[in-house]
Each structure stands twice: as structure tokens, then as C-alpha cells.
Amino acid sequence: MNCIFTLRRLCSVPASALLCSVVRPVSLFYHLFLINPEKRKAVQLCPLVNSGILHRALVPALRADGMGIDYTHPDIQAFDTVKVLDKKLKIMGRPPVVDPFA
């Protein structure tokens, strides 16, 4: 797939069409991925992504219709990104994450 074409196509779609709906509340998306739009802060999730931790956490919550993550799934509701990331960073010998919502 041509990444430039995909990026242009995504950029032409309003963010509200990608994120906002009854099925995917923006607040749950921001909380899960540690993004604080009010403070314009985000946490790098690279250690969780590169290790596969985030992938393993999200796979059980994939929607049956193939339309992404079911943010109402109990595993997603209970997933504490800060806690899991802090545990991974401790193993790596790095300082804990600063919660963007604190």
C-alpha cells in the first residue's frame, strides 16, 4: 500500500469522522492512548507497541465487524495504560511515565 496516498486520504477526512461516534467515544480513545488534547500532551507508547504488549491487550477487543477496537469491551475498560507502561519502563531501567491527565 502506498503510505503517501493513505496519509493524504486520511488527512482529507475530518478528525471528527475518524474518532467521534457513539461506538468510539473520544474520551476513551484519549485515555487508552494517553493523549490529553486540552494540554496538547501525549505519552510515547513505543515500549508498549514494540514489545507487543499493546497488541496483545487490544486483540481480544477487536470488533466482530472488522471496524477497529470495541472501546466498551471489559478488557479495554480495565486496561490501565499508565500502570502497564510504568511496569515496562521499570524493566527497561527508565523513569516512570508522567500521566498527561494528572
Protein backbone atom coordinates (compact mmCIF):
# COMPACT_ATOMS: atom_id res chain seq x y z
CA MET A 1 0.00 0.00 0.00
CA ASN A 2 1.24 3.46 -0.85
CA CYS A 3 1.72 5.22 2.52
CA ILE A 4 1.67 8.70 1.00
CA PHE A 5 -1.66 8.02 -0.70
CA THR A 6 -3.08 6.61 2.54
CA LEU A 7 -1.86 9.60 4.55
CA ARG A 8 -3.36 12.05 2.06
CA ARG A 9 -6.63 10.15 2.11
CA LEU A 10 -6.72 10.18 5.92
CA CYS A 11 -5.84 13.87 6.05
CA SER A 12 -8.79 14.68 3.81
CA VAL A 13 -11.21 13.11 6.31
CA PRO A 14 -12.20 15.31 9.26
CA ALA A 15 -10.87 14.05 12.58
CA SER A 16 -14.41 14.01 13.93
CA ALA A 17 -15.36 11.41 11.32
CA LEU A 18 -12.50 9.16 12.41
CA LEU A 19 -12.87 9.37 16.16
CA CYS A 20 -16.24 10.70 17.26
CA SER A 21 -19.20 8.40 17.49
CA VAL A 22 -21.34 6.55 19.94
CA VAL A 23 -19.29 3.40 19.34
CA ARG A 24 -15.93 5.09 19.82
CA PRO A 25 -16.13 7.84 22.43
CA VAL A 26 -13.20 10.19 22.01
CA SER A 27 -12.57 10.31 25.76
CA LEU A 28 -11.95 6.54 25.91
CA PHE A 29 -9.62 6.74 22.90
CA TYR A 30 -7.63 9.57 24.50
CA HIS A 31 -7.50 7.78 27.86
CA LEU A 32 -6.33 4.48 26.37
CA PHE A 33 -3.60 6.07 24.24
CA LEU A 34 -2.59 8.69 26.87
CA ILE A 35 -3.42 11.77 24.83
CA ASN A 36 -4.54 14.96 26.56
CA PRO A 37 -5.83 17.29 23.83
CA GLU A 38 -6.52 20.14 26.26
CA LYS A 39 -2.89 20.28 27.39
CA ARG A 40 -1.67 19.15 23.95
CA LYS A 41 0.31 16.39 25.66
CA ALA A 42 0.82 12.77 24.68
CA VAL A 43 2.93 9.95 26.05
CA GLN A 44 5.20 7.91 23.81
CA LEU A 45 3.83 4.37 23.78
CA CYS A 46 6.77 2.92 21.84
CA PRO A 47 7.81 0.48 24.61
CA LEU A 48 4.29 -0.97 24.68
CA VAL A 49 3.99 -1.12 20.90
CA ASN A 50 7.47 -2.50 20.18
CA SER A 51 7.16 -5.20 22.84
CA GLY A 52 3.75 -6.33 21.60
CA ILE A 53 2.09 -5.61 24.96
CA LEU A 54 -0.41 -3.17 23.47
CA HIS A 55 -1.17 -5.52 20.57
CA ARG A 56 -1.90 -8.43 22.91
CA ALA A 57 -4.13 -6.19 25.04
CA LEU A 58 -6.15 -4.88 22.08
CA VAL A 59 -6.64 -8.06 20.03
CA PRO A 60 -9.34 -9.53 22.32
CA ALA A 61 -11.29 -6.27 21.96
CA LEU A 62 -11.37 -6.14 18.16
CA ARG A 63 -14.88 -5.63 16.85
CA ALA A 64 -16.54 -8.57 15.09
CA ASP A 65 -17.48 -6.31 12.15
CA GLY A 66 -13.81 -5.53 11.48
CA MET A 67 -14.23 -1.84 12.33
CA GLY A 68 -11.45 -1.46 14.88
CA ILE A 69 -11.46 -1.64 18.66
CA ASP A 70 -14.55 -2.09 20.81
CA TYR A 71 -13.82 0.51 23.48
CA THR A 72 -16.69 -0.85 25.60
CA HIS A 73 -15.01 -4.26 25.90
CA PRO A 74 -14.29 -5.10 29.58
CA ASP A 75 -10.58 -5.72 28.87
CA ILE A 76 -10.25 -2.23 27.38
CA GLN A 77 -12.25 -0.60 30.18
CA ALA A 78 -9.94 -2.22 32.74
CA PHE A 79 -6.67 -1.61 30.84
CA ASP A 80 -4.52 0.88 32.76
CA THR A 81 -2.06 2.18 30.18
CA VAL A 82 -0.03 4.20 32.69
CA LYS A 83 0.38 1.22 35.03
CA VAL A 84 1.35 -1.17 32.23
CA LEU A 85 3.75 1.36 30.68
CA ASP A 86 5.36 2.09 34.06
CA LYS A 87 5.94 -1.63 34.61
CA LYS A 88 7.60 -1.94 31.19
CA LEU A 89 9.74 1.17 31.75
CA LYS A 90 10.88 -0.17 35.15
CA ILE A 91 12.06 -3.38 33.47
CA MET A 92 13.93 -1.25 30.94
CA GLY A 93 15.54 0.79 33.74
CA ARG A 94 13.84 4.01 32.67
CA PRO A 95 11.92 6.55 34.79
CA PRO A 96 8.14 6.21 35.15
CA VAL A 97 5.76 7.96 32.78
CA VAL A 98 4.15 11.26 33.65
CA ASP A 99 0.39 10.85 33.32
CA PRO A 100 -0.78 13.52 30.83
CA PHE A 101 -4.09 13.85 32.70
CA ALA A 102 -2.53 14.49 36.11
